Each structure stands twice: as C-alpha cells, then as structure tokens.
Amino acid sequence: MNEEQVYAAIGEDGFARLVRAFYAQVPDDDVLGPMYPPHDLAGAEERLRDFLIGRFGGPPRYIEQRGHPRLRMRHAPFAIDTAARNRWVMLMDRALDGTRLPDDVTSLLREFFHSTATFMINRSG
C-alpha cells in the first residue's frame, strides 16, 4: 500500500475515528493538554482530520481552506521538545491501536506520525 491508497482503504470514517481517539486523550494529558486551548479542541480535531485526509489521498479540504500546511511554521508558537514529541507519538500510537484500522494502514500511518513528530521538534530539552 502507498500513501495515496490510505483514504480509499479507510475513508472519512477511519480518519475521523483515529483523530477523535487521539483528541479524546489530550484534555487530561499533563504535557499536551496545556498546548491545546479547550475552546478550540473541535477545531484542532477538524484541522488534523482534514490534513490527514488530504495527505493520504482524499479530498484536499485542508489546503482549500488553509493553504499549504507549512507544519513547522504553524507549530512554531508551541514549545515542542523531545518530551512533547514522545507524548504526542504515545497518544497517537494508542489511538492507532484502539481504532483498529487495517494493519498495512496502521503501519504506514505510524511511520508517518513518528517521522513527522520528530520533524516538528523546535526546542531542545
């Protein structure tokens, strides 16, 4: 399976379930919770869902609404160190495990999330 085939395999519902499972963990997390304003959790969930859908072969809603993702620029205001990266990955891995997507999709998404989270580190520590 390649990245462009993920959307065809899991559709809107698969991405929605994954992102919902991730964000369900965020408010009570001592590392990530403070980074997400409580009034914008639904917006954060929608943005991540739409980004992933477009990135993996679905409709390009994220780009149509927000332009190029520019991930590092958009995340620059947040202090993302190794601990924050590792916590984000831990919660996303847990969401992937709980969502029970097809194994090939889970493997591909897990690799993408791990490498992208490392790329997002913008603070030492």
Protein backbone atom coordinates (compact mmCIF):
# COMPACT_ATOMS: atom_id res chain seq x y z
CA MET A 1 0.00 0.00 0.00
CA ASN A 2 1.18 3.50 -0.73
CA GLU A 3 0.14 6.77 0.91
CA GLU A 4 -2.34 7.68 -1.82
CA GLN A 5 -4.29 4.46 -1.17
CA VAL A 6 -4.93 5.04 2.54
CA TYR A 7 -8.03 7.18 2.04
CA ALA A 8 -9.52 4.59 -0.31
CA ALA A 9 -8.91 1.92 2.33
CA ILE A 10 -10.33 3.68 5.43
CA GLY A 11 -12.33 6.66 4.11
CA GLU A 12 -13.60 9.63 6.07
CA ASP A 13 -14.80 7.40 8.88
CA GLY A 14 -11.41 5.82 9.51
CA PHE A 15 -9.66 9.16 9.77
CA ALA A 16 -12.48 10.61 11.89
CA ARG A 17 -12.30 7.69 14.35
CA LEU A 18 -8.49 7.93 14.58
CA VAL A 19 -8.39 11.68 15.17
CA ARG A 20 -11.30 11.50 17.63
CA ALA A 21 -9.46 8.78 19.59
CA PHE A 22 -6.33 10.93 19.68
CA TYR A 23 -8.06 14.12 20.83
CA ALA A 24 -10.11 12.27 23.45
CA GLN A 25 -6.81 11.80 25.32
CA VAL A 26 -5.50 15.36 25.00
CA PRO A 27 -7.51 17.39 27.56
CA ASP A 28 -6.33 15.31 30.54
CA ASP A 29 -2.73 14.94 29.37
CA ASP A 30 -0.27 16.90 31.51
CA VAL A 31 2.14 17.55 28.60
CA LEU A 32 -0.13 18.10 25.61
CA GLY A 33 -3.30 19.33 27.30
CA PRO A 34 -1.90 22.80 28.06
CA MET A 35 -0.89 23.25 24.40
CA TYR A 36 -4.49 22.95 23.19
CA PRO A 37 -6.96 25.68 24.13
CA PRO A 38 -10.08 23.89 25.43
CA HIS A 39 -12.36 26.12 23.34
CA ASP A 40 -10.60 25.01 20.13
CA LEU A 41 -10.31 21.24 20.57
CA ALA A 42 -13.05 20.65 18.00
CA GLY A 43 -11.23 22.95 15.57
CA ALA A 44 -7.91 21.20 16.18
CA GLU A 45 -9.60 17.84 15.58
CA GLU A 46 -11.13 19.08 12.31
CA ARG A 47 -7.83 20.54 11.08
CA LEU A 48 -5.86 17.36 11.77
CA ARG A 49 -8.56 15.18 10.24
CA ASP A 50 -8.77 17.29 7.08
CA PHE A 51 -4.97 17.49 6.81
CA LEU A 52 -4.61 13.70 7.06
CA ILE A 53 -7.44 13.05 4.61
CA GLY A 54 -5.82 15.30 2.00
CA ARG A 55 -2.32 13.99 2.71
CA PHE A 56 -3.38 10.38 2.21
CA GLY A 57 -5.42 10.53 -0.98
CA GLY A 58 -8.72 12.14 -0.02
CA PRO A 59 -10.31 15.49 -0.82
CA PRO A 60 -7.93 18.46 -0.34
CA ARG A 61 -10.19 20.34 2.12
CA TYR A 62 -7.31 21.40 4.36
CA ILE A 63 -5.41 23.05 1.50
CA GLU A 64 -8.59 24.60 0.08
CA GLN A 65 -9.43 26.19 3.44
CA ARG A 66 -6.00 26.92 4.92
CA GLY A 67 -3.45 26.74 2.10
CA HIS A 68 -0.18 24.85 2.24
CA PRO A 69 0.20 23.02 5.58
CA ARG A 70 3.55 24.69 6.49
CA LEU A 71 3.63 22.40 9.52
CA ARG A 72 6.77 23.78 11.18
CA MET A 73 5.64 27.38 10.76
CA ARG A 74 2.15 26.71 12.11
CA HIS A 75 3.58 24.88 15.12
CA ALA A 76 6.39 27.38 15.84
CA PRO A 77 4.45 29.12 18.66
CA PHE A 78 4.34 25.83 20.59
CA ALA A 79 7.34 24.56 22.53
CA ILE A 80 7.79 21.11 21.04
CA ASP A 81 10.71 19.34 22.67
CA THR A 82 11.55 15.65 22.69
CA ALA A 83 9.23 15.01 25.65
CA ALA A 84 6.29 16.67 23.86
CA ARG A 85 7.11 14.78 20.66
CA ASN A 86 7.24 11.49 22.53
CA ARG A 87 3.96 12.15 24.32
CA TRP A 88 2.23 13.10 21.06
CA VAL A 89 3.51 9.89 19.49
CA MET A 90 2.43 7.85 22.51
CA LEU A 91 -1.14 9.21 22.35
CA MET A 92 -1.31 8.77 18.58
CA ASP A 93 0.04 5.22 18.83
CA ARG A 94 -2.63 4.49 21.43
CA ALA A 95 -5.27 5.98 19.11
CA LEU A 96 -3.98 3.86 16.22
CA ASP A 97 -4.11 0.73 18.35
CA GLY A 98 -7.63 1.49 19.57
CA THR A 99 -9.01 2.42 16.17
CA ARG A 100 -8.07 -0.97 14.68
CA LEU A 101 -7.53 0.11 11.11
CA PRO A 102 -6.13 -2.43 8.63
CA ASP A 103 -2.58 -3.48 9.56
CA ASP A 104 -0.95 -2.04 6.43
CA VAL A 105 -2.68 1.31 7.00
CA THR A 106 -1.70 1.36 10.68
CA SER A 107 1.91 0.60 9.83
CA LEU A 108 2.09 3.33 7.19
CA LEU A 109 0.39 5.93 9.40
CA ARG A 110 2.54 5.02 12.42
CA GLU A 111 5.72 5.55 10.38
CA PHE A 112 4.40 8.88 9.07
CA PHE A 113 3.42 10.10 12.55
CA HIS A 114 6.72 9.11 14.14
CA SER A 115 8.86 10.81 11.49
CA THR A 116 6.66 13.91 11.23
CA ALA A 117 6.58 14.32 15.02
CA THR A 118 10.38 14.23 15.06
CA PHE A 119 10.46 16.85 12.30
CA MET A 120 8.23 19.10 14.44
CA ILE A 121 10.69 19.37 17.35
CA ASN A 122 11.56 23.05 17.66
CA ARG A 123 13.07 23.30 21.17
CA SER A 124 15.94 21.48 22.86
CA GLY A 125 15.33 19.58 26.04
